[in-house]
Amino acid sequence: MTEPTPEQKQEFKARLEKAREKHESGTWDGRLKVERTGAIGRAWRLSVEIIAAFLVCGGLGWYLDQWLGTRPVLLLVFVALGMVVGVYNVYKVARAMNPDDFKD
């Protein structure tokens, strides 16, 4: 391989800097970014949010019950927790989708 020329190095640095700026502008800024989608896309997003929280918390409760031998106490506790977390996630996403409806 040959050593890159100074012009090639400068061009590479310029492209790299441009790519970094583009990446930084699209990264997490502390706010939930929601793309403009149709009603069906929004409904799917909200339903996935609540079901995922329910299943993750329920699975964690089931696993802990199996491990600790406390059937079905932790499963019930974590399923209830999953419902609360799911509703909270749906509220956050709905608020981000419709910020005008949630003005204080």
N, C-alpha and C. Protein backbone atom coordinates (compact mmCIF):
# COMPACT_ATOMS: atom_id res chain seq x y z
N MET A 1 0.83 -1.19 0.00
CA MET A 1 0.00 0.00 0.00
C MET A 1 0.86 1.24 0.00
N THR A 2 0.32 2.27 -0.58
CA THR A 2 1.05 3.53 -0.63
C THR A 2 0.53 4.47 0.44
N GLU A 3 1.38 5.34 0.86
CA GLU A 3 1.02 6.35 1.88
C GLU A 3 0.12 7.40 1.23
N PRO A 4 -0.99 7.80 1.91
CA PRO A 4 -1.87 8.82 1.34
C PRO A 4 -1.17 10.17 1.26
N THR A 5 -1.55 10.91 0.26
CA THR A 5 -0.98 12.25 0.08
C THR A 5 -1.60 13.21 1.07
N PRO A 6 -0.97 14.35 1.31
CA PRO A 6 -1.55 15.34 2.23
C PRO A 6 -2.94 15.80 1.80
N GLU A 7 -3.17 15.89 0.49
CA GLU A 7 -4.49 16.30 0.01
C GLU A 7 -5.54 15.25 0.36
N GLN A 8 -5.16 13.96 0.22
CA GLN A 8 -6.09 12.88 0.56
C GLN A 8 -6.38 12.89 2.06
N LYS A 9 -5.36 13.17 2.86
CA LYS A 9 -5.57 13.23 4.31
C LYS A 9 -6.52 14.37 4.67
N GLN A 10 -6.35 15.53 4.06
CA GLN A 10 -7.22 16.67 4.33
C GLN A 10 -8.66 16.36 3.91
N GLU A 11 -8.79 15.73 2.74
CA GLU A 11 -10.13 15.38 2.25
C GLU A 11 -10.79 14.39 3.20
N PHE A 12 -10.02 13.41 3.67
CA PHE A 12 -10.56 12.44 4.61
C PHE A 12 -10.98 13.10 5.91
N LYS A 13 -10.16 14.00 6.43
CA LYS A 13 -10.49 14.70 7.67
C LYS A 13 -11.75 15.53 7.51
N ALA A 14 -11.91 16.18 6.35
CA ALA A 14 -13.11 16.98 6.10
C ALA A 14 -14.35 16.10 6.05
N ARG A 15 -14.25 14.96 5.38
CA ARG A 15 -15.40 14.04 5.31
C ARG A 15 -15.73 13.47 6.67
N LEU A 16 -14.69 13.14 7.44
CA LEU A 16 -14.89 12.61 8.79
C LEU A 16 -15.58 13.63 9.69
N GLU A 17 -15.14 14.87 9.63
CA GLU A 17 -15.75 15.93 10.44
C GLU A 17 -17.21 16.14 10.05
N LYS A 18 -17.49 16.12 8.76
CA LYS A 18 -18.86 16.27 8.28
C LYS A 18 -19.74 15.13 8.78
N ALA A 19 -19.20 13.91 8.74
CA ALA A 19 -19.96 12.76 9.22
C ALA A 19 -20.20 12.85 10.73
N ARG A 20 -19.21 13.31 11.48
CA ARG A 20 -19.38 13.47 12.94
C ARG A 20 -20.45 14.50 13.26
N GLU A 21 -20.45 15.62 12.54
CA GLU A 21 -21.46 16.65 12.77
C GLU A 21 -22.86 16.13 12.45
N LYS A 22 -22.96 15.38 11.37
CA LYS A 22 -24.26 14.81 11.01
C LYS A 22 -24.72 13.82 12.06
N HIS A 23 -23.81 13.00 12.56
CA HIS A 23 -24.16 12.01 13.59
C HIS A 23 -24.58 12.69 14.89
N GLU A 24 -23.84 13.72 15.30
CA GLU A 24 -24.16 14.42 16.54
C GLU A 24 -25.48 15.15 16.47
N SER A 25 -25.83 15.64 15.30
CA SER A 25 -27.11 16.35 15.19
C SER A 25 -28.29 15.41 15.27
N GLY A 26 -28.09 14.13 14.98
CA GLY A 26 -29.19 13.19 15.01
C GLY A 26 -29.21 12.30 16.23
N THR A 27 -28.37 12.58 17.22
CA THR A 27 -28.32 11.73 18.39
C THR A 27 -29.25 12.24 19.48
N TRP A 28 -29.29 11.54 20.54
CA TRP A 28 -30.17 11.81 21.67
C TRP A 28 -29.93 13.21 22.23
N ASP A 29 -31.01 13.98 22.34
CA ASP A 29 -30.89 15.33 22.88
C ASP A 29 -31.72 15.50 24.15
N GLY A 30 -32.14 14.40 24.75
CA GLY A 30 -32.93 14.48 25.97
C GLY A 30 -34.42 14.47 25.72
N ARG A 31 -34.82 14.56 24.48
CA ARG A 31 -36.24 14.55 24.15
C ARG A 31 -36.54 13.32 23.33
N LEU A 32 -37.74 12.84 23.44
CA LEU A 32 -38.17 11.68 22.67
C LEU A 32 -38.53 12.13 21.27
N LYS A 33 -37.82 11.62 20.29
CA LYS A 33 -38.09 12.00 18.92
C LYS A 33 -39.12 11.04 18.32
N VAL A 34 -40.15 11.59 17.75
CA VAL A 34 -41.21 10.78 17.15
C VAL A 34 -41.39 11.24 15.72
N GLU A 35 -41.28 10.31 14.81
CA GLU A 35 -41.48 10.65 13.41
C GLU A 35 -42.97 10.80 13.15
N ARG A 36 -43.29 11.58 12.15
CA ARG A 36 -44.68 11.74 11.75
C ARG A 36 -45.11 10.51 10.98
N THR A 37 -45.98 9.73 11.57
CA THR A 37 -46.48 8.53 10.92
C THR A 37 -47.99 8.58 10.90
N GLY A 38 -48.58 7.62 10.24
CA GLY A 38 -50.02 7.55 10.18
C GLY A 38 -50.60 7.02 11.47
N ALA A 39 -51.93 6.98 11.50
CA ALA A 39 -52.63 6.53 12.70
C ALA A 39 -52.32 5.07 13.03
N ILE A 40 -52.19 4.25 12.00
CA ILE A 40 -51.90 2.83 12.26
C ILE A 40 -50.51 2.67 12.85
N GLY A 41 -49.55 3.42 12.34
CA GLY A 41 -48.20 3.36 12.90
C GLY A 41 -48.16 3.81 14.35
N ARG A 42 -48.90 4.83 14.65
CA ARG A 42 -48.95 5.31 16.04
C ARG A 42 -49.62 4.28 16.95
N ALA A 43 -50.69 3.68 16.47
CA ALA A 43 -51.38 2.66 17.28
C ALA A 43 -50.47 1.47 17.53
N TRP A 44 -49.74 1.04 16.52
CA TRP A 44 -48.80 -0.07 16.71
C TRP A 44 -47.72 0.31 17.71
N ARG A 45 -47.21 1.51 17.61
CA ARG A 45 -46.16 1.95 18.52
C ARG A 45 -46.65 1.93 19.97
N LEU A 46 -47.85 2.46 20.19
CA LEU A 46 -48.39 2.49 21.55
C LEU A 46 -48.66 1.08 22.07
N SER A 47 -49.20 0.22 21.22
CA SER A 47 -49.50 -1.15 21.67
C SER A 47 -48.21 -1.92 21.95
N VAL A 48 -47.19 -1.71 21.15
CA VAL A 48 -45.92 -2.39 21.40
C VAL A 48 -45.30 -1.90 22.70
N GLU A 49 -45.41 -0.62 22.98
CA GLU A 49 -44.87 -0.08 24.24
C GLU A 49 -45.48 -0.77 25.45
N ILE A 50 -46.80 -0.90 25.46
CA ILE A 50 -47.46 -1.46 26.64
C ILE A 50 -47.24 -2.97 26.73
N ILE A 51 -47.25 -3.66 25.60
CA ILE A 51 -47.06 -5.12 25.62
C ILE A 51 -45.63 -5.46 25.99
N ALA A 52 -44.66 -4.71 25.50
CA ALA A 52 -43.26 -4.99 25.82
C ALA A 52 -43.00 -4.83 27.32
N ALA A 53 -43.50 -3.76 27.90
CA ALA A 53 -43.30 -3.56 29.34
C ALA A 53 -43.96 -4.67 30.14
N PHE A 54 -45.15 -5.07 29.73
CA PHE A 54 -45.89 -6.14 30.40
C PHE A 54 -45.11 -7.45 30.32
N LEU A 55 -44.63 -7.80 29.14
CA LEU A 55 -43.92 -9.07 28.96
C LEU A 55 -42.55 -9.08 29.65
N VAL A 56 -41.83 -7.98 29.57
CA VAL A 56 -40.51 -7.93 30.20
C VAL A 56 -40.64 -8.06 31.72
N CYS A 57 -41.53 -7.29 32.30
CA CYS A 57 -41.71 -7.36 33.76
C CYS A 57 -42.29 -8.71 34.18
N GLY A 58 -43.23 -9.23 33.42
CA GLY A 58 -43.79 -10.54 33.74
C GLY A 58 -42.75 -11.64 33.63
N GLY A 59 -41.92 -11.57 32.59
CA GLY A 59 -40.85 -12.56 32.44
C GLY A 59 -39.83 -12.48 33.57
N LEU A 60 -39.51 -11.27 33.97
CA LEU A 60 -38.58 -11.10 35.09
C LEU A 60 -39.18 -11.67 36.38
N GLY A 61 -40.46 -11.41 36.62
CA GLY A 61 -41.12 -11.96 37.80
C GLY A 61 -41.16 -13.47 37.79
N TRP A 62 -41.45 -14.05 36.62
CA TRP A 62 -41.49 -15.51 36.50
C TRP A 62 -40.11 -16.09 36.77
N TYR A 63 -39.08 -15.47 36.19
CA TYR A 63 -37.72 -15.97 36.39
C TYR A 63 -37.32 -15.90 37.87
N LEU A 64 -37.62 -14.79 38.51
CA LEU A 64 -37.28 -14.66 39.93
C LEU A 64 -38.05 -15.66 40.78
N ASP A 65 -39.31 -15.92 40.42
CA ASP A 65 -40.08 -16.93 41.15
C ASP A 65 -39.45 -18.31 41.00
N GLN A 66 -39.00 -18.63 39.80
CA GLN A 66 -38.34 -19.93 39.57
C GLN A 66 -37.06 -20.02 40.37
N TRP A 67 -36.31 -18.95 40.39
CA TRP A 67 -35.00 -18.94 41.04
C TRP A 67 -35.14 -18.96 42.57
N LEU A 68 -36.08 -18.18 43.10
CA LEU A 68 -36.22 -18.06 44.55
C LEU A 68 -37.25 -19.01 45.14
N GLY A 69 -38.06 -19.66 44.29
CA GLY A 69 -39.08 -20.59 44.77
C GLY A 69 -40.23 -19.89 45.48
N THR A 70 -40.61 -18.73 45.02
CA THR A 70 -41.69 -17.96 45.66
C THR A 70 -42.93 -17.89 44.78
N ARG A 71 -43.24 -18.97 44.07
CA ARG A 71 -44.34 -18.95 43.11
C ARG A 71 -45.65 -18.58 43.77
N PRO A 72 -46.52 -17.88 43.20
CA PRO A 72 -46.48 -16.93 42.09
C PRO A 72 -46.38 -15.49 42.57
N VAL A 73 -45.84 -15.28 43.74
CA VAL A 73 -45.84 -13.95 44.35
C VAL A 73 -45.14 -12.91 43.48
N LEU A 74 -43.89 -13.16 43.11
CA LEU A 74 -43.14 -12.17 42.34
C LEU A 74 -43.70 -12.01 40.93
N LEU A 75 -44.24 -13.07 40.36
CA LEU A 75 -44.86 -12.96 39.04
C LEU A 75 -46.01 -11.97 39.09
N LEU A 76 -46.86 -12.07 40.09
CA LEU A 76 -47.99 -11.15 40.21
C LEU A 76 -47.53 -9.72 40.47
N VAL A 77 -46.53 -9.57 41.30
CA VAL A 77 -46.01 -8.23 41.60
C VAL A 77 -45.42 -7.60 40.34
N PHE A 78 -44.62 -8.36 39.62
CA PHE A 78 -43.98 -7.80 38.43
C PHE A 78 -44.95 -7.61 37.27
N VAL A 79 -45.99 -8.42 37.19
CA VAL A 79 -47.01 -8.20 36.15
C VAL A 79 -47.73 -6.88 36.43
N ALA A 80 -48.07 -6.64 37.70
CA ALA A 80 -48.70 -5.36 38.05
C ALA A 80 -47.75 -4.20 37.76
N LEU A 81 -46.48 -4.37 38.09
CA LEU A 81 -45.49 -3.35 37.81
C LEU A 81 -45.37 -3.13 36.30
N GLY A 82 -45.42 -4.20 35.52
CA GLY A 82 -45.36 -4.09 34.07
C GLY A 82 -46.53 -3.30 33.50
N MET A 83 -47.71 -3.48 34.09
CA MET A 83 -48.87 -2.71 33.64
C MET A 83 -48.66 -1.21 33.90
N VAL A 84 -48.15 -0.90 35.07
CA VAL A 84 -47.92 0.51 35.42
C VAL A 84 -46.85 1.11 34.50
N VAL A 85 -45.76 0.40 34.30
CA VAL A 85 -44.69 0.88 33.44
C VAL A 85 -45.19 1.03 32.00
N GLY A 86 -45.99 0.08 31.52
CA GLY A 86 -46.53 0.15 30.17
C GLY A 86 -47.42 1.36 29.97
N VAL A 87 -48.29 1.63 30.93
CA VAL A 87 -49.17 2.79 30.82
C VAL A 87 -48.34 4.08 30.86
N TYR A 88 -47.31 4.12 31.70
CA TYR A 88 -46.45 5.30 31.77
C TYR A 88 -45.72 5.51 30.44
N ASN A 89 -45.21 4.43 29.84
CA ASN A 89 -44.52 4.54 28.56
C ASN A 89 -45.47 5.03 27.47
N VAL A 90 -46.70 4.53 27.47
CA VAL A 90 -47.68 4.98 26.49
C VAL A 90 -47.98 6.46 26.69
N TYR A 91 -48.08 6.90 27.92
CA TYR A 91 -48.31 8.31 28.20
C TYR A 91 -47.17 9.17 27.66
N LYS A 92 -45.90 8.74 27.91
CA LYS A 92 -44.75 9.49 27.43
C LYS A 92 -44.75 9.58 25.90
N VAL A 93 -45.01 8.48 25.24
CA VAL A 93 -44.98 8.46 23.77
C VAL A 93 -46.14 9.29 23.23
N ALA A 94 -47.32 9.15 23.82
CA ALA A 94 -48.47 9.94 23.35
C ALA A 94 -48.22 11.42 23.56
N ARG A 95 -47.58 11.76 24.64
CA ARG A 95 -47.26 13.17 24.89
C ARG A 95 -46.26 13.69 23.86
N ALA A 96 -45.30 12.86 23.47
CA ALA A 96 -44.33 13.28 22.45
C ALA A 96 -44.97 13.35 21.07
N MET A 97 -45.94 12.50 20.81
CA MET A 97 -46.61 12.51 19.51
C MET A 97 -47.53 13.71 19.35
N ASN A 98 -48.14 14.15 20.44
CA ASN A 98 -49.10 15.24 20.41
C ASN A 98 -48.78 16.28 21.48
N PRO A 99 -47.71 17.02 21.33
CA PRO A 99 -47.31 17.95 22.40
C PRO A 99 -48.34 19.06 22.63
N ASP A 100 -49.11 19.43 21.61
CA ASP A 100 -50.09 20.50 21.79
C ASP A 100 -51.24 20.08 22.70
N ASP A 101 -51.55 18.80 22.74
CA ASP A 101 -52.63 18.31 23.59
C ASP A 101 -52.27 18.25 25.06
N PHE A 102 -50.97 18.35 25.37
CA PHE A 102 -50.51 18.20 26.75
C PHE A 102 -49.90 19.47 27.31
N LYS A 103 -50.25 20.61 26.74
CA LYS A 103 -49.69 21.87 27.24
C LYS A 103 -50.26 22.16 28.63
N ASP A 104 -49.38 22.66 29.49
CA ASP A 104 -49.80 22.95 30.87
C ASP A 104 -50.54 24.25 30.96
